[in-house]
Amino acid sequence: MTRTIRWASLIVISQAAFFTEFERFDRHLEKLKGTAPNLDYVGICSPNYLHDAHIRFGLRIGADVICEKPLVLNPWNVDALKELEQETGKKVYTILQLRLHPALMALKEKNCIRTCP
């Protein structure tokens, strides 16, 4: 049995959608309401100070959330996210963004030499 994963990101999985503006993402979800399956995951790649609000939004729309570090700027906000996870039955997953790691920068430069005009 094949399962299609619905994914949206504020930064490729089957049936993915990409948004750079939160308002457009919210509007897109409103248009889909009742016509498409719920999202399985929301990826948060917004500025750090917006992570908390965007994570809360993702949980409230019924999606698991994947967010780069830091999840929140203030430690006490983690408890509120844990409560929201319990209320919604959805989870928050975190990743460490290594875009400035020397090995990754070298790989990017090497690939750009081969592929960039």
C-alpha atoms as a PDB file:
ATOM      1  CA  MET A   1       0.000   0.000   0.000  1.00  0.00           C
ATOM      2  CA  THR A   2       1.365   3.433  -0.964  1.00  0.00           C
ATOM      3  CA  ARG A   3       0.742   6.413   1.289  1.00  0.00           C
ATOM      4  CA  THR A   4       0.865   9.937  -0.060  1.00  0.00           C
ATOM      5  CA  ILE A   5       2.349  12.435   2.367  1.00  0.00           C
ATOM      6  CA  ARG A   6       0.954  15.953   2.197  1.00  0.00           C
ATOM      7  CA  TRP A   7       3.620  18.504   3.072  1.00  0.00           C
ATOM      8  CA  ALA A   8       3.792  22.254   3.230  1.00  0.00           C
ATOM      9  CA  SER A   9       6.826  24.264   4.066  1.00  0.00           C
ATOM     10  CA  LEU A  10       7.425  27.881   5.035  1.00  0.00           C
ATOM     11  CA  ILE A  11      10.730  27.214   3.217  1.00  0.00           C
ATOM     12  CA  VAL A  12      10.435  16.971  -2.046  1.00  0.00           C
ATOM     13  CA  ILE A  13       7.838  15.068  -0.866  1.00  0.00           C
ATOM     14  CA  SER A  14       4.762  13.975  -2.801  1.00  0.00           C
ATOM     15  CA  GLN A  15       2.253  16.801  -3.330  1.00  0.00           C
ATOM     16  CA  ALA A  16       4.470  19.440  -1.719  1.00  0.00           C
ATOM     17  CA  ALA A  17       3.733  23.155  -1.601  1.00  0.00           C
ATOM     18  CA  PHE A  18       6.237  25.918  -0.865  1.00  0.00           C
ATOM     19  CA  PHE A  19       5.472  29.310   0.683  1.00  0.00           C
ATOM     20  CA  THR A  20       7.708  32.208   1.632  1.00  0.00           C
ATOM     21  CA  GLU A  21       4.900  34.316   3.090  1.00  0.00           C
ATOM     22  CA  PHE A  22       2.896  32.988   6.026  1.00  0.00           C
ATOM     23  CA  GLU A  23      -0.276  34.791   4.942  1.00  0.00           C
ATOM     24  CA  ARG A  24      -0.268  33.017   1.569  1.00  0.00           C
ATOM     25  CA  PHE A  25       0.214  29.676   3.305  1.00  0.00           C
ATOM     26  CA  ASP A  26      -2.735  30.358   5.604  1.00  0.00           C
ATOM     27  CA  ARG A  27      -4.868  31.442   2.637  1.00  0.00           C
ATOM     28  CA  HIS A  28      -3.859  28.297   0.695  1.00  0.00           C
ATOM     29  CA  LEU A  29      -5.005  26.101   3.571  1.00  0.00           C
ATOM     30  CA  GLU A  30      -8.340  27.930   3.757  1.00  0.00           C
ATOM     31  CA  LYS A  31      -8.911  27.273   0.046  1.00  0.00           C
ATOM     32  CA  LEU A  32      -8.129  23.570   0.509  1.00  0.00           C
ATOM     33  CA  LYS A  33     -10.423  23.175   3.506  1.00  0.00           C
ATOM     34  CA  GLY A  34     -12.800  20.302   2.868  1.00  0.00           C
ATOM     35  CA  THR A  35     -11.399  19.516  -0.587  1.00  0.00           C
ATOM     36  CA  ALA A  36      -8.087  17.834   0.236  1.00  0.00           C
ATOM     37  CA  PRO A  37      -6.649  15.588   2.937  1.00  0.00           C
ATOM     38  CA  ASN A  38      -5.049  17.248   5.934  1.00  0.00           C
ATOM     39  CA  LEU A  39      -1.355  18.004   5.927  1.00  0.00           C
ATOM     40  CA  ASP A  40       0.877  15.402   7.544  1.00  0.00           C
ATOM     41  CA  TYR A  41       3.832  17.747   8.144  1.00  0.00           C
ATOM     42  CA  VAL A  42       4.650  21.439   8.141  1.00  0.00           C
ATOM     43  CA  GLY A  43       8.301  22.472   7.818  1.00  0.00           C
ATOM     44  CA  ILE A  44       9.229  25.719   9.570  1.00  0.00           C
ATOM     45  CA  CYS A  45      12.190  27.596   8.059  1.00  0.00           C
ATOM     46  CA  SER A  46      11.267  31.107   9.087  1.00  0.00           C
ATOM     47  CA  PRO A  47      13.316  33.599  11.141  1.00  0.00           C
ATOM     48  CA  ASN A  48      13.954  32.386  14.704  1.00  0.00           C
ATOM     49  CA  TYR A  49      11.602  34.892  16.356  1.00  0.00           C
ATOM     50  CA  LEU A  50       8.666  33.463  14.344  1.00  0.00           C
ATOM     51  CA  HIS A  51       9.277  29.774  15.101  1.00  0.00           C
ATOM     52  CA  ASP A  52       7.025  29.630  18.177  1.00  0.00           C
ATOM     53  CA  ALA A  53       4.007  31.163  16.410  1.00  0.00           C
ATOM     54  CA  HIS A  54       4.483  29.062  13.269  1.00  0.00           C
ATOM     55  CA  ILE A  55       4.896  25.850  15.283  1.00  0.00           C
ATOM     56  CA  ARG A  56       1.673  26.607  17.159  1.00  0.00           C
ATOM     57  CA  PHE A  57      -0.107  27.225  13.862  1.00  0.00           C
ATOM     58  CA  GLY A  58       1.124  23.922  12.434  1.00  0.00           C
ATOM     59  CA  LEU A  59      -0.046  21.959  15.469  1.00  0.00           C
ATOM     60  CA  ARG A  60      -3.427  23.720  15.482  1.00  0.00           C
ATOM     61  CA  ILE A  61      -4.103  22.799  11.848  1.00  0.00           C
ATOM     62  CA  GLY A  62      -3.477  19.151  12.728  1.00  0.00           C
ATOM     63  CA  ALA A  63       0.007  18.631  11.305  1.00  0.00           C
ATOM     64  CA  ASP A  64       3.226  17.359  12.819  1.00  0.00           C
ATOM     65  CA  VAL A  65       5.849  20.108  12.687  1.00  0.00           C
ATOM     66  CA  ILE A  66       9.522  19.992  11.697  1.00  0.00           C
ATOM     67  CA  CYS A  67      11.455  23.093  12.741  1.00  0.00           C
ATOM     68  CA  GLU A  68      15.095  24.080  12.638  1.00  0.00           C
ATOM     69  CA  LYS A  69      16.727  25.187  15.888  1.00  0.00           C
ATOM     70  CA  PRO A  70      15.995  27.118  17.978  1.00  0.00           C
ATOM     71  CA  LEU A  71      12.417  26.034  18.469  1.00  0.00           C
ATOM     72  CA  VAL A  72      11.713  29.030  20.690  1.00  0.00           C
ATOM     73  CA  LEU A  73      13.658  32.030  21.951  1.00  0.00           C
ATOM     74  CA  ASN A  74      12.455  31.761  25.557  1.00  0.00           C
ATOM     75  CA  PRO A  75      12.763  28.453  27.432  1.00  0.00           C
ATOM     76  CA  TRP A  76       9.353  28.819  29.092  1.00  0.00           C
ATOM     77  CA  ASN A  77       7.688  28.635  25.668  1.00  0.00           C
ATOM     78  CA  VAL A  78       8.743  24.976  25.362  1.00  0.00           C
ATOM     79  CA  ASP A  79       6.268  23.995  28.096  1.00  0.00           C
ATOM     80  CA  ALA A  80       3.431  25.660  26.189  1.00  0.00           C
ATOM     81  CA  LEU A  81       4.415  23.751  23.034  1.00  0.00           C
ATOM     82  CA  LYS A  82       4.439  20.481  24.979  1.00  0.00           C
ATOM     83  CA  GLU A  83       0.913  21.230  26.213  1.00  0.00           C
ATOM     84  CA  LEU A  84      -0.233  21.974  22.670  1.00  0.00           C
ATOM     85  CA  GLU A  85       1.322  18.704  21.474  1.00  0.00           C
ATOM     86  CA  GLN A  86      -0.736  16.862  24.094  1.00  0.00           C
ATOM     87  CA  GLU A  87      -3.923  18.728  23.163  1.00  0.00           C
ATOM     88  CA  THR A  88      -3.564  18.115  19.424  1.00  0.00           C
ATOM     89  CA  GLY A  89      -1.913  14.676  19.470  1.00  0.00           C
ATOM     90  CA  LYS A  90       0.693  16.024  17.026  1.00  0.00           C
ATOM     91  CA  LYS A  91       4.452  16.288  17.491  1.00  0.00           C
ATOM     92  CA  VAL A  92       7.183  18.891  17.051  1.00  0.00           C
ATOM     93  CA  TYR A  93      10.483  17.638  15.616  1.00  0.00           C
ATOM     94  CA  THR A  94      13.636  19.712  15.526  1.00  0.00           C
ATOM     95  CA  ILE A  95      16.634  19.691  13.218  1.00  0.00           C
ATOM     96  CA  LEU A  96      20.017  21.346  13.420  1.00  0.00           C
ATOM     97  CA  GLN A  97      20.695  23.593  10.439  1.00  0.00           C
ATOM     98  CA  LEU A  98      24.322  23.297   9.366  1.00  0.00           C
ATOM     99  CA  ARG A  99      24.343  25.606   6.345  1.00  0.00           C
ATOM    100  CA  LEU A 100      27.533  27.317   7.547  1.00  0.00           C
ATOM    101  CA  HIS A 101      29.425  24.146   8.442  1.00  0.00           C
ATOM    102  CA  PRO A 102      32.815  24.209   6.622  1.00  0.00           C
ATOM    103  CA  ALA A 103      32.289  20.765   5.055  1.00  0.00           C
ATOM    104  CA  LEU A 104      28.907  21.776   3.632  1.00  0.00           C
ATOM    105  CA  MET A 105      30.227  25.112   2.380  1.00  0.00           C
ATOM    106  CA  ALA A 106      33.088  23.279   0.619  1.00  0.00           C
ATOM    107  CA  LEU A 107      30.627  20.823  -0.939  1.00  0.00           C
ATOM    108  CA  LYS A 108      28.425  23.681  -2.122  1.00  0.00           C
ATOM    109  CA  GLU A 109      31.417  25.460  -3.648  1.00  0.00           C
ATOM    110  CA  LYS A 110      32.585  22.254  -5.348  1.00  0.00           C
ATOM    111  CA  ASN A 111      29.123  21.609  -6.811  1.00  0.00           C
ATOM    112  CA  CYS A 112      28.749  25.230  -7.915  1.00  0.00           C
ATOM    113  CA  ILE A 113      32.027  25.047  -9.810  1.00  0.00           C
ATOM    114  CA  ARG A 114      30.597  22.138 -11.797  1.00  0.00           C
ATOM    115  CA  THR A 115      27.055  23.446 -12.252  1.00  0.00           C
ATOM    116  CA  CYS A 116      27.107  27.249 -12.091  1.00  0.00           C
ATOM    117  CA  PRO A 117      27.599  29.259 -15.287  1.00  0.00           C
END
